[in-house]
């Protein structure tokens, strides 16, 4: 799975001007869920909602979760040129990958 990530980026379409074909593409930093946040309820079934919101915002194909020094990161990835991009973290940090229409919940 990790090798596939070189063909994807966390840069996504986030806006459209005047109903034209002009789009804004922005690099979106991975969302950060610090392990030190004692007030976070990571046992709930909606703690990942910000990841899914970003997923639909940019029209992503994958959501990728990383664990780095005990902290969780997630990013929504859109397809780009093969072998053009470097994954945000090393393979040893890859925790989970969700694919469109397989794991990601439907847009509400």
Protein backbone atom coordinates (compact mmCIF):
# COMPACT_ATOMS: atom_id res chain seq x y z
CA UNK A 1 0.00 0.00 0.00
CA UNK A 2 2.75 2.45 0.88
CA UNK A 3 4.22 2.43 -2.64
CA UNK A 4 0.87 3.56 -4.07
CA UNK A 5 1.02 6.76 -2.00
CA UNK A 6 3.75 8.19 -4.26
CA UNK A 7 1.01 8.80 -6.86
CA UNK A 8 -1.16 10.84 -4.49
CA UNK A 9 -0.93 14.20 -2.79
CA UNK A 10 -2.72 16.05 -0.03
CA UNK A 11 -3.18 18.96 -2.41
CA UNK A 12 -6.82 19.16 -3.36
CA UNK A 13 -9.46 21.23 -5.10
CA UNK A 14 -11.08 23.43 -2.48
CA UNK A 15 -13.00 26.11 -4.38
CA UNK A 16 -14.42 27.08 -7.75
CA UNK A 17 -14.81 30.60 -9.15
CA UNK A 18 -17.93 31.91 -10.94
CA UNK A 19 -19.06 28.49 -12.18
CA UNK A 20 -16.02 28.34 -14.44
CA UNK A 21 -13.46 25.59 -14.70
CA UNK A 22 -10.94 27.56 -12.62
CA UNK A 23 -10.14 25.80 -9.35
CA UNK A 24 -7.95 26.63 -6.37
CA UNK A 25 -5.53 23.88 -5.38
CA UNK A 26 -4.00 24.09 -1.92
CA UNK A 27 -1.61 21.89 0.00
CA UNK A 28 -3.41 20.74 3.11
CA UNK A 29 -1.28 19.78 6.10
CA UNK A 30 -2.23 16.47 7.74
CA UNK A 31 -4.77 16.85 10.55
CA UNK A 32 -3.14 16.38 13.94
CA UNK A 33 -4.63 14.45 16.87
CA UNK A 34 -2.15 14.79 19.77
CA UNK A 35 -1.96 11.92 22.23
CA UNK A 36 -1.37 14.51 24.94
CA UNK A 37 -4.88 15.95 24.50
CA UNK A 38 -6.51 14.45 27.59
CA UNK A 39 -9.87 16.09 26.82
CA UNK A 40 -10.24 14.28 23.47
CA UNK A 41 -12.73 11.42 23.39
CA UNK A 42 -11.06 9.04 20.95
CA UNK A 43 -13.42 6.26 21.97
CA UNK A 44 -16.37 7.98 20.30
CA UNK A 45 -17.49 7.03 16.81
CA UNK A 46 -17.08 10.56 15.45
CA UNK A 47 -13.55 11.59 16.44
CA UNK A 48 -12.44 11.07 12.81
CA UNK A 49 -15.11 13.40 11.39
CA UNK A 50 -12.58 16.17 10.58
CA UNK A 51 -10.73 13.66 8.38
CA UNK A 52 -13.91 12.78 6.49
CA UNK A 53 -14.85 16.46 6.15
CA UNK A 54 -11.49 17.14 4.52
CA UNK A 55 -11.91 14.02 2.36
CA UNK A 56 -15.12 15.41 0.84
CA UNK A 57 -13.84 18.99 0.75
CA UNK A 58 -10.96 18.14 -1.59
CA UNK A 59 -12.57 15.25 -3.49
CA UNK A 60 -10.07 12.70 -2.20
CA UNK A 61 -9.71 9.04 -3.05
CA UNK A 62 -7.94 7.90 0.14
CA UNK A 63 -7.76 8.86 3.78
CA UNK A 64 -4.45 7.86 5.30
CA UNK A 65 -3.78 7.64 9.03
CA UNK A 66 -0.28 7.88 10.47
CA UNK A 67 1.01 7.32 14.01
CA UNK A 68 4.10 9.40 14.76
CA UNK A 69 5.56 9.37 18.27
CA UNK A 70 2.19 8.27 19.65
CA UNK A 71 0.27 11.06 17.91
CA UNK A 72 -2.27 10.42 15.15
CA UNK A 73 -2.31 12.29 11.83
CA UNK A 74 -4.72 11.88 8.96
CA UNK A 75 -4.75 13.29 5.47
CA UNK A 76 -7.05 13.13 2.48
CA UNK A 77 -5.18 12.23 -0.69
CA UNK A 78 -6.06 13.05 -4.29
CA UNK A 79 -4.53 11.39 -7.33
CA UNK A 80 -1.52 13.07 -8.89
CA UNK A 81 1.28 12.06 -11.25
CA UNK A 82 2.80 8.66 -10.41
CA UNK A 83 6.05 8.82 -8.43
CA UNK A 84 5.81 12.61 -8.16
CA UNK A 85 5.09 12.93 -4.45
CA UNK A 86 6.75 11.80 -1.26
CA UNK A 87 4.39 10.40 1.40
CA UNK A 88 4.18 12.65 4.46
CA UNK A 89 5.75 10.05 6.74
CA UNK A 90 7.74 6.84 6.46
CA UNK A 91 6.20 3.43 5.89
CA UNK A 92 6.76 2.47 9.52
CA UNK A 93 4.33 5.27 10.54
CA UNK A 94 1.48 4.12 8.26
CA UNK A 95 -1.43 2.99 10.45
CA UNK A 96 -4.52 2.74 8.26
CA UNK A 97 -5.75 3.61 4.77
CA UNK A 98 -9.38 4.04 3.78
CA UNK A 99 -10.47 3.92 0.15
CA UNK A 100 -13.39 5.77 -1.41
CA UNK A 101 -16.62 3.73 -1.39
CA UNK A 102 -15.04 0.96 0.65
CA UNK A 103 -14.45 2.38 4.12
CA UNK A 104 -15.20 6.10 3.98
CA UNK A 105 -18.76 6.88 5.07
CA UNK A 106 -21.13 8.50 2.57
CA UNK A 107 -21.28 12.27 2.48
CA UNK A 108 -24.10 13.63 4.64
